[in-house]
Structure formats: C-alpha cells, structure tokens
PDB file of N, CA and C in Angstrom:
ATOM      1  N   MET A   1      -4.101  85.248  93.818  1.00  0.00           N
ATOM      2  CA  MET A   1      -2.835  85.141  93.883  1.00  0.00           C
ATOM      3  C   MET A   1      -2.050  86.417  93.908  1.00  0.00           C
ATOM      4  N   GLU A   2      -2.534  86.773  93.175  1.00  0.00           N
ATOM      5  CA  GLU A   2      -1.418  88.103  92.957  1.00  0.00           C
ATOM      6  C   GLU A   2      -2.665  89.068  94.146  1.00  0.00           C
ATOM      7  N   ARG A   3      -3.897  89.549  94.179  1.00  0.00           N
ATOM      8  CA  ARG A   3      -4.019  89.664  95.719  1.00  0.00           C
ATOM      9  C   ARG A   3      -2.917  88.969  97.434  1.00  0.00           C
ATOM     10  N   ALA A   4      -2.751  88.358  96.930  1.00  0.00           N
ATOM     11  CA  ALA A   4      -2.056  87.717  98.231  1.00  0.00           C
ATOM     12  C   ALA A   4      -1.138  87.614  98.354  1.00  0.00           C
ATOM     13  N   VAL A   5       0.063  88.307  97.520  1.00  0.00           N
ATOM     14  CA  VAL A   5       1.028  88.086  97.363  1.00  0.00           C
ATOM     15  C   VAL A   5       1.169  89.773  97.164  1.00  0.00           C
ATOM     16  N   VAL A   6       0.188  90.297  97.237  1.00  0.00           N
ATOM     17  CA  VAL A   6      -0.173  92.155  97.663  1.00  0.00           C
ATOM     18  C   VAL A   6      -0.248  92.600  99.364  1.00  0.00           C
ATOM     19  N   THR A   7      -0.942  91.846  99.278  1.00  0.00           N
ATOM     20  CA  THR A   7      -1.457  91.970 100.733  1.00  0.00           C
ATOM     21  C   THR A   7       0.361  91.283 101.974  1.00  0.00           C
ATOM     22  N   THR A   8       0.476  90.098 101.159  1.00  0.00           N
ATOM     23  CA  THR A   8       2.090  89.647 101.973  1.00  0.00           C
ATOM     24  C   THR A   8       2.806  91.101 101.926  1.00  0.00           C
ATOM     25  N   GLN A   9       3.344  91.433 101.239  1.00  0.00           N
ATOM     26  CA  GLN A   9       4.445  92.390 100.790  1.00  0.00           C
ATOM     27  C   GLN A   9       3.859  93.474 101.230  1.00  0.00           C
ATOM     28  N   LYS A  10       2.785  94.461 101.516  1.00  0.00           N
ATOM     29  CA  LYS A  10       2.390  95.454 101.954  1.00  0.00           C
ATOM     30  C   LYS A  10       2.498  94.930 103.713  1.00  0.00           C
ATOM     31  N   SER A  11       2.088  93.507 104.510  1.00  0.00           N
ATOM     32  CA  SER A  11       2.661  93.444 105.496  1.00  0.00           C
ATOM     33  C   SER A  11       4.050  93.604 105.246  1.00  0.00           C
ATOM     34  N   ILE A  12       4.897  93.114 105.393  1.00  0.00           N
ATOM     35  CA  ILE A  12       5.751  92.584 104.769  1.00  0.00           C
ATOM     36  C   ILE A  12       6.993  94.644 105.348  1.00  0.00           C
ATOM     37  N   GLU A  13       6.258  95.118 104.610  1.00  0.00           N
ATOM     38  CA  GLU A  13       6.634  96.688 104.418  1.00  0.00           C
ATOM     39  C   GLU A  13       6.883  97.542 105.108  1.00  0.00           C
ATOM     40  N   LYS A  14       5.043  96.595 106.001  1.00  0.00           N
ATOM     41  CA  LYS A  14       4.679  97.863 107.918  1.00  0.00           C
ATOM     42  C   LYS A  14       5.718  96.865 108.856  1.00  0.00           C
ATOM     43  N   ALA A  15       6.515  95.777 109.183  1.00  0.00           N
ATOM     44  CA  ALA A  15       6.712  95.280 109.898  1.00  0.00           C
ATOM     45  C   ALA A  15       8.320  95.729 109.772  1.00  0.00           C
ATOM     46  N   THR A  16       8.756  95.542 109.189  1.00  0.00           N
ATOM     47  CA  THR A  16      10.161  95.768 108.760  1.00  0.00           C
ATOM     48  C   THR A  16      11.085  96.892 110.012  1.00  0.00           C
ATOM     49  N   PRO A  17      10.031  98.198 109.351  1.00  0.00           N
ATOM     50  CA  PRO A  17      10.437  98.986 110.349  1.00  0.00           C
ATOM     51  C   PRO A  17      10.761  98.667 111.779  1.00  0.00           C
ATOM     52  N   VAL A  18       9.337  98.834 112.226  1.00  0.00           N
ATOM     53  CA  VAL A  18       9.653  97.766 113.696  1.00  0.00           C
ATOM     54  C   VAL A  18      10.387  96.415 113.547  1.00  0.00           C
ATOM     55  N   ILE A  19      11.240  95.746 112.454  1.00  0.00           N
ATOM     56  CA  ILE A  19      11.468  94.595 113.130  1.00  0.00           C
ATOM     57  C   ILE A  19      13.074  95.043 113.280  1.00  0.00           C
ATOM     58  N   GLN A  20      13.842  96.591 112.240  1.00  0.00           N
ATOM     59  CA  GLN A  20      15.022  96.914 112.539  1.00  0.00           C
ATOM     60  C   GLN A  20      14.553  97.538 113.742  1.00  0.00           C
ATOM     61  N   LYS A  21      14.064  98.167 114.091  1.00  0.00           N
ATOM     62  CA  LYS A  21      13.619  99.411 115.514  1.00  0.00           C
ATOM     63  C   LYS A  21      15.098  98.168 116.741  1.00  0.00           C
ATOM     64  N   SER A  22      13.264  96.731 116.583  1.00  0.00           N
ATOM     65  CA  SER A  22      13.851  95.958 118.158  1.00  0.00           C
ATOM     66  C   SER A  22      15.129  95.526 118.163  1.00  0.00           C
ATOM     67  N   LEU A  23      15.770  95.339 117.193  1.00  0.00           N
ATOM     68  CA  LEU A  23      17.216  95.045 116.627  1.00  0.00           C
ATOM     69  C   LEU A  23      17.794  95.660 116.611  1.00  0.00           C
ATOM     70  N   ASP A  24      18.564  96.940 116.620  1.00  0.00           N
ATOM     71  CA  ASP A  24      18.890  98.754 116.987  1.00  0.00           C
ATOM     72  C   ASP A  24      18.437  97.971 118.530  1.00  0.00           C
ATOM     73  N   ARG A  25      18.193  98.314 118.751  1.00  0.00           N
ATOM     74  CA  ARG A  25      18.205  98.400 120.486  1.00  0.00           C
ATOM     75  C   ARG A  25      18.080  97.101 120.792  1.00  0.00           C
ATOM     76  N   SER A  26      18.272  96.054 120.506  1.00  0.00           N
ATOM     77  CA  SER A  26      18.622  94.429 121.057  1.00  0.00           C
ATOM     78  C   SER A  26      20.015  94.770 120.770  1.00  0.00           C
ATOM     79  N   MET A  27      20.793  95.447 119.591  1.00  0.00           N
ATOM     80  CA  MET A  27      22.367  95.578 119.607  1.00  0.00           C
ATOM     81  C   MET A  27      22.944  96.292 120.008  1.00  0.00           C
ATOM     82  N   LYS A  28      21.611  97.865 121.050  1.00  0.00           N
ATOM     83  CA  LYS A  28      22.660  98.877 121.194  1.00  0.00           C
ATOM     84  C   LYS A  28      22.904  98.359 123.132  1.00  0.00           C
ATOM     85  N   ALA A  29      21.705  97.536 123.413  1.00  0.00           N
ATOM     86  CA  ALA A  29      22.252  97.068 124.730  1.00  0.00           C
ATOM     87  C   ALA A  29      23.050  95.503 124.164  1.00  0.00           C
ATOM     88  N   ALA A  30      23.025  94.923 123.716  1.00  0.00           N
ATOM     89  CA  ALA A  30      24.250  94.121 123.936  1.00  0.00           C
ATOM     90  C   ALA A  30      25.740  95.180 123.977  1.00  0.00           C
ATOM     91  N   GLY A  31      25.614  95.909 123.350  1.00  0.00           N
ATOM     92  CA  GLY A  31      26.762  96.542 122.896  1.00  0.00           C
ATOM     93  C   GLY A  31      27.448  96.813 124.836  1.00  0.00           C
ATOM     94  N   VAL A  32      25.863  97.942 125.414  1.00  0.00           N
ATOM     95  CA  VAL A  32      26.600  97.955 127.237  1.00  0.00           C
ATOM     96  C   VAL A  32      26.360  97.359 127.347  1.00  0.00           C
ATOM     97  N   ALA A  33      26.105  96.109 127.374  1.00  0.00           N
ATOM     98  CA  ALA A  33      26.160  94.729 128.545  1.00  0.00           C
ATOM     99  C   ALA A  33      27.740  94.550 128.212  1.00  0.00           C
ATOM    100  N   PHE A  34      28.168  94.030 127.271  1.00  0.00           N
ATOM    101  CA  PHE A  34      29.781  93.651 126.626  1.00  0.00           C
ATOM    102  C   PHE A  34      30.399  94.830 127.340  1.00  0.00           C
ATOM    103  N   ALA A  35      30.134  96.048 126.924  1.00  0.00           N
ATOM    104  CA  ALA A  35      30.449  97.308 128.024  1.00  0.00           C
ATOM    105  C   ALA A  35      31.415  96.740 129.613  1.00  0.00           C
ATOM    106  N   ARG A  36      29.990  96.870 129.735  1.00  0.00           N
ATOM    107  CA  ARG A  36      29.526  96.734 131.866  1.00  0.00           C
ATOM    108  C   ARG A  36      30.265  95.592 132.379  1.00  0.00           C
ATOM    109  N   THR A  37      30.319  93.932 131.175  1.00  0.00           N
ATOM    110  CA  THR A  37      30.765  93.038 131.912  1.00  0.00           C
ATOM    111  C   THR A  37      32.122  92.961 131.666  1.00  0.00           C
ATOM    112  N   MET A  38      32.899  94.359 130.544  1.00  0.00           N
ATOM    113  CA  MET A  38      34.371  93.938 130.543  1.00  0.00           C
ATOM    114  C   MET A  38      34.544  94.878 131.539  1.00  0.00           C
ATOM    115  N   LYS A  39      34.092  96.188 132.200  1.00  0.00           N
ATOM    116  CA  LYS A  39      34.302  97.187 133.317  1.00  0.00           C
ATOM    117  C   LYS A  39      34.225  95.862 134.404  1.00  0.00           C
ATOM    118  N   THR A  40      33.732  95.293 134.428  1.00  0.00           N
ATOM    119  CA  THR A  40      34.009  94.590 135.781  1.00  0.00           C
ATOM    120  C   THR A  40      35.002  93.299 135.825  1.00  0.00           C
ATOM    121  N   ILE A  41      35.175  92.920 135.047  1.00  0.00           N
ATOM    122  CA  ILE A  41      36.465  92.167 134.717  1.00  0.00           C
ATOM    123  C   ILE A  41      37.510  92.719 135.149  1.00  0.00           C
ATOM    124  N   ASP A  42      38.183  93.964 134.376  1.00  0.00           N
ATOM    125  CA  ASP A  42      39.004  94.946 134.847  1.00  0.00           C
ATOM    126  C   ASP A  42      38.995  94.580 136.509  1.00  0.00           C
ATOM    127  N   GLY A  43      37.921  94.971 136.958  1.00  0.00           N
ATOM    128  CA  GLY A  43      38.722  94.926 138.126  1.00  0.00           C
ATOM    129  C   GLY A  43      38.609  93.578 139.296  1.00  0.00           C
ATOM    130  N   ALA A  44      38.665  92.884 138.010  1.00  0.00           N
ATOM    131  CA  ALA A  44      38.901  92.002 138.772  1.00  0.00           C
ATOM    132  C   ALA A  44      40.696  91.170 139.165  1.00  0.00           C
ATOM    133  N   THR A  45      41.184  90.118 140.197  1.00  0.00           N
ATOM    134  CA  THR A  45      42.438  90.244 139.772  1.00  0.00           C
ATOM    135  C   THR A  45      42.514  89.563 138.513  1.00  0.00           C
ATOM    136  N   ALA A  46      43.367  89.244 137.851  1.00  0.00           N
ATOM    137  CA  ALA A  46      44.990  88.968 137.254  1.00  0.00           C
ATOM    138  C   ALA A  46      44.221  87.492 136.338  1.00  0.00           C
ATOM    139  N   GLU A  47      44.469  86.376 137.075  1.00  0.00           N
ATOM    140  CA  GLU A  47      43.580  85.024 137.827  1.00  0.00           C
ATOM    141  C   GLU A  47      42.127  84.850 137.300  1.00  0.00           C
ATOM    142  N   ASP A  48      41.638  85.725 137.854  1.00  0.00           N
ATOM    143  CA  ASP A  48      39.718  85.637 138.164  1.00  0.00           C
ATOM    144  C   ASP A  48      39.872  86.326 136.797  1.00  0.00           C
ATOM    145  N   GLN A  49      40.459  87.400 136.377  1.00  0.00           N
ATOM    146  CA  GLN A  49      40.423  87.559 134.889  1.00  0.00           C
ATOM    147  C   GLN A  49      40.186  86.291 134.293  1.00  0.00           C
ATOM    148  N   ALA A  50      41.134  86.282 133.681  1.00  0.00           N
ATOM    149  CA  ALA A  50      41.723  85.002 133.419  1.00  0.00           C
ATOM    150  C   ALA A  50      40.734  84.012 132.890  1.00  0.00           C
ATOM    151  N   LYS A  51      39.847  83.638 134.269  1.00  0.00           N
ATOM    152  CA  LYS A  51      38.676  83.165 134.035  1.00  0.00           C
ATOM    153  C   LYS A  51      37.828  83.203 133.625  1.00  0.00           C
ATOM    154  N   LEU A  52      37.604  84.807 134.146  1.00  0.00           N
ATOM    155  CA  LEU A  52      35.782  85.221 133.700  1.00  0.00           C
ATOM    156  C   LEU A  52      36.286  85.023 131.995  1.00  0.00           C
ATOM    157  N   PHE A  53      36.911  85.438 131.011  1.00  0.00           N
ATOM    158  CA  PHE A  53      37.343  85.582 130.328  1.00  0.00           C
ATOM    159  C   PHE A  53      37.251  84.083 129.002  1.00  0.00           C
ATOM    160  N   ARG A  54      37.446  83.367 129.822  1.00  0.00           N
ATOM    161  CA  ARG A  54      37.272  81.810 129.263  1.00  0.00           C
ATOM    162  C   ARG A  54      35.483  81.531 129.651  1.00  0.00           C
ATOM    163  N   ALA A  55      35.292  81.366 130.702  1.00  0.00           N
ATOM    164  CA  ALA A  55      33.833  81.467 130.653  1.00  0.00           C
ATOM    165  C   ALA A  55      33.568  82.598 129.753  1.00  0.00           C
ATOM    166  N   TYR A  56      33.461  83.714 129.532  1.00  0.00           N
ATOM    167  CA  TYR A  56      32.322  84.307 128.439  1.00  0.00           C
ATOM    168  C   TYR A  56      33.056  83.936 127.246  1.00  0.00           C
ATOM    169  N   GLN A  57      34.631  83.616 127.133  1.00  0.00           N
ATOM    170  CA  GLN A  57      34.825  82.752 125.515  1.00  0.00           C
ATOM    171  C   GLN A  57      33.491  81.533 125.189  1.00  0.00           C
ATOM    172  N   LYS A  58      33.684  81.248 126.576  1.00  0.00           N
ATOM    173  CA  LYS A  58      32.509  79.912 125.851  1.00  0.00           C
ATOM    174  C   LYS A  58      31.488  80.403 125.624  1.00  0.00           C
ATOM    175  N   LEU A  59      30.895  81.340 126.830  1.00  0.00           N
ATOM    176  CA  LEU A  59      29.240  81.696 126.298  1.00  0.00           C
ATOM    177  C   LEU A  59      29.541  82.357 124.827  1.00  0.00           C
ATOM    178  N   LEU A  60      30.009  83.768 124.262  1.00  0.00           N
ATOM    179  CA  LEU A  60      30.188  83.556 122.918  1.00  0.00           C
ATOM    180  C   LEU A  60      30.132  82.659 122.101  1.00  0.00           C
ATOM    181  N   ALA A  61      30.848  81.326 122.442  1.00  0.00           N
ATOM    182  CA  ALA A  61      31.390  80.612 121.266  1.00  0.00           C
ATOM    183  C   ALA A  61      29.539  79.603 120.937  1.00  0.00           C
ATOM    184  N   ALA A  62      29.187  80.009 122.136  1.00  0.00           N
ATOM    185  CA  ALA A  62      27.584  78.897 122.586  1.00  0.00           C
ATOM    186  C   ALA A  62      26.899  79.636 121.658  1.00  0.00           C
ATOM    187  N   GLN A  63      27.184  80.697 121.787  1.00  0.00           N
ATOM    188  CA  GLN A  63      26.123  81.620 121.189  1.00  0.00           C
ATOM    189  C   GLN A  63      26.513  82.136 119.137  1.00  0.00           C
ATOM    190  N   LEU A  64      27.666  81.925 119.120  1.00  0.00           N
ATOM    191  CA  LEU A  64      28.038  82.320 117.839  1.00  0.00           C
ATOM    192  C   LEU A  64      27.593  80.517 116.948  1.00  0.00           C
ATOM    193  N   ASP A  65      27.710  79.519 117.701  1.00  0.00           N
ATOM    194  CA  ASP A  65      27.688  78.374 116.970  1.00  0.00           C
ATOM    195  C   ASP A  65      26.420  78.700 116.938  1.00  0.00           C
ATOM    196  N   TYR A  66      25.230  78.941 117.520  1.00  0.00           N
ATOM    197  CA  TYR A  66      23.731  79.041 117.154  1.00  0.00           C
ATOM    198  C   TYR A  66      22.853  79.790 115.699  1.00  0.00           C
ATOM    199  N   VAL A  67      24.183  80.679 115.973  1.00  0.00           N
ATOM    200  CA  VAL A  67      23.578  81.751 115.063  1.00  0.00           C
ATOM    201  C   VAL A  67      24.356  81.284 113.461  1.00  0.00           C
ATOM    202  N   ASP A  68      25.348  80.229 113.028  1.00  0.00           N
ATOM    203  CA  ASP A  68      25.921  79.857 111.918  1.00  0.00           C
ATOM    204  C   ASP A  68      24.869  78.369 112.119  1.00  0.00           C
ATOM    205  N   SER A  69      24.671  78.091 113.095  1.00  0.00           N
ATOM    206  CA  SER A  69      22.947  76.902 112.490  1.00  0.00           C
ATOM    207  C   SER A  69      21.480  78.218 112.012  1.00  0.00           C
ATOM    208  N   ARG A  70      21.488  78.727 112.296  1.00  0.00           N
ATOM    209  CA  ARG A  70      20.134  79.442 112.111  1.00  0.00           C
ATOM    210  C   ARG A  70      20.665  80.132 110.457  1.00  0.00           C
ATOM    211  N   ILE A  71      22.276  80.433 110.301  1.00  0.00           N
ATOM    212  CA  ILE A  71      22.302  80.981 108.764  1.00  0.00           C
ATOM    213  C   ILE A  71      22.350  79.375 108.070  1.00  0.00           C
ATOM    214  N   ARG A  72      23.147  78.637 108.615  1.00  0.00           N
ATOM    215  CA  ARG A  72      22.357  77.538 107.038  1.00  0.00           C
ATOM    216  C   ARG A  72      20.986  76.891 107.448  1.00  0.00           C
ATOM    217  N   ALA A  73      20.566  77.098 108.397  1.00  0.00           N
ATOM    218  CA  ALA A  73      18.823  76.260 108.121  1.00  0.00           C
ATOM    219  C   ALA A  73      18.439  77.761 107.187  1.00  0.00           C
ATOM    220  N   LEU A  74      18.825  79.169 106.982  1.00  0.00           N
ATOM    221  CA  LEU A  74      17.785  79.574 106.640  1.00  0.00           C
ATOM    222  C   LEU A  74      18.556  79.496 105.221  1.00  0.00           C
ATOM    223  N   ASP A  75      19.404  79.140 105.187  1.00  0.00           N
ATOM    224  CA  ASP A  75      20.033  78.637 103.906  1.00  0.00           C
ATOM    225  C   ASP A  75      19.864  77.401 102.528  1.00  0.00           C
ATOM    226  N   GLU A  76      19.558  76.383 104.143  1.00  0.00           N
ATOM    227  CA  GLU A  76      18.313  75.585 103.538  1.00  0.00           C
ATOM    228  C   GLU A  76      17.146  75.589 103.362  1.00  0.00           C
ATOM    229  N   ARG A  77      15.558  76.660 103.916  1.00  0.00           N
ATOM    230  CA  ARG A  77      15.223  76.698 103.989  1.00  0.00           C
ATOM    231  C   ARG A  77      15.025  75.212 104.838  1.00  0.00           C
ATOM    232  N   ARG A  78      15.360  75.660 106.304  1.00  0.00           N
ATOM    233  CA  ARG A  78      14.471  74.650 107.110  1.00  0.00           C
ATOM    234  C   ARG A  78      14.788  75.224 108.408  1.00  0.00           C
ATOM    235  N   PRO A  79      13.238  74.664 108.968  1.00  0.00           N
ATOM    236  CA  PRO A  79      13.271  75.165 110.429  1.00  0.00           C
ATOM    237  C   PRO A  79      14.070  75.194 111.273  1.00  0.00           C
ATOM    238  N   PRO A  80      14.259  76.625 112.718  1.00  0.00           N
ATOM    239  CA  PRO A  80      15.827  77.095 112.316  1.00  0.00           C
ATOM    240  C   PRO A  80      16.171  75.798 114.230  1.00  0.00           C
ATOM    241  N   PRO A  81      16.740  75.626 114.291  1.00  0.00           N
ATOM    242  CA  PRO A  81      16.919  74.692 115.921  1.00  0.00           C
ATOM    243  C   PRO A  81      16.516  75.544 117.378  1.00  0.00           C
ATOM    244  N   PRO A  82      16.335  74.197 118.268  1.00  0.00           N
ATOM    245  CA  PRO A  82      16.080  75.566 119.587  1.00  0.00           C
ATOM    246  C   PRO A  82      16.896  75.922 119.695  1.00  0.00           C
ATOM    247  N   VAL A  83      16.642  77.304 120.945  1.00  0.00           N
ATOM    248  CA  VAL A  83      17.701  78.109 121.496  1.00  0.00           C
ATOM    249  C   VAL A  83      18.876  76.775 122.101  1.00  0.00           C
ATOM    250  N   PRO A  84      19.701  76.595 122.194  1.00  0.00           N
ATOM    251  CA  PRO A  84      20.996  75.728 123.268  1.00  0.00           C
ATOM    252  C   PRO A  84      21.218  76.486 124.527  1.00  0.00           C
ATOM    253  N   GLN A  85      20.546  76.159 125.633  1.00  0.00           N
ATOM    254  CA  GLN A  85      20.627  76.323 126.979  1.00  0.00           C
ATOM    255  C   GLN A  85      22.080  76.805 127.246  1.00  0.00           C
ATOM    256  N   GLY A  86      23.054  76.846 126.649  1.00  0.00           N
ATOM    257  CA  GLY A  86      24.511  77.286 126.991  1.00  0.00           C
ATOM    258  C   GLY A  86      24.190  78.626 126.101  1.00  0.00           C
ATOM    259  N   ALA A  87      23.699  79.038 125.194  1.00  0.00           N
ATOM    260  CA  ALA A  87      23.974  80.069 124.781  1.00  0.00           C
ATOM    261  C   ALA A  87      23.011  81.257 125.033  1.00  0.00           C
ATOM    262  N   LEU A  88      22.194  81.294 125.787  1.00  0.00           N
ATOM    263  CA  LEU A  88      21.692  82.332 127.128  1.00  0.00           C
ATOM    264  C   LEU A  88      22.298  81.903 128.449  1.00  0.00           C
ATOM    265  N   ASP A  89      22.614  81.181 128.472  1.00  0.00           N
ATOM    266  CA  ASP A  89      23.651  81.186 130.429  1.00  0.00           C
ATOM    267  C   ASP A  89      24.761  82.967 130.080  1.00  0.00           C
ATOM    268  N   THR A  90      23.999  83.554 131.270  1.00  0.00           N
ATOM    269  CA  THR A  90      24.826  84.716 131.324  1.00  0.00           C
ATOM    270  C   THR A  90      25.597  84.879 132.347  1.00  0.00           C
ATOM    271  N   GLU A  91      26.059  83.653 132.944  1.00  0.00           N
ATOM    272  CA  GLU A  91      26.593  83.315 134.499  1.00  0.00           C
ATOM    273  C   GLU A  91      27.929  83.035 133.684  1.00  0.00           C
ATOM    274  N   PRO A  92      29.399  84.363 134.252  1.00  0.00           N
ATOM    275  CA  PRO A  92      31.086  83.290 133.558  1.00  0.00           C
ATOM    276  C   PRO A  92      30.475  82.224 134.728  1.00  0.00           C
TER     277      PRO A  92
END
C-alpha cells in the first residue's frame, strides 16, 4: 500500500508542472480571445454592440454555470457533468 501511495505521489509531482503550463497557456489564449472579441465588438454600431454583448453574456453565463457545477461535483466527490453545448458555442 505504501508503495502505491509513493508511486502515485511521484506521478502527481511529475504531472503537476505540465498541467499548470497547459492551464497557463489556456488562460493566456482566453485573454487574447477576449481582447480580440472586445475589439471586434467596438467596431460595430451601438445597436449591434448591444446584441453582441447580450450574446456574449449568454455564452459566459453558460460557461460559469458549467464551472460552478464542476466545483460542486468536486466538493461532493462525484463525476463531473458533461460539457453543455452552450458553454462551447463561440458564435454570438
């Protein structure tokens, strides 16, 4: 049993930096995408901006709901829910 624990700990220690780098890249890409989205929206008419912001808000709300459900699943130690299509849609 102790050997299994040690082996698992070593595997986690090796994987953690790789996972962290991947998350860092993902967060940076999300920031770039956000800046690009805002720049694109800024070039639209006021009426179109309002429509685009409402659509973007809906997308973000779906993503936030999914993140909240993942946190609840982790807190309750149960499998995470599948990713809903609305949280993946990138078209406003």
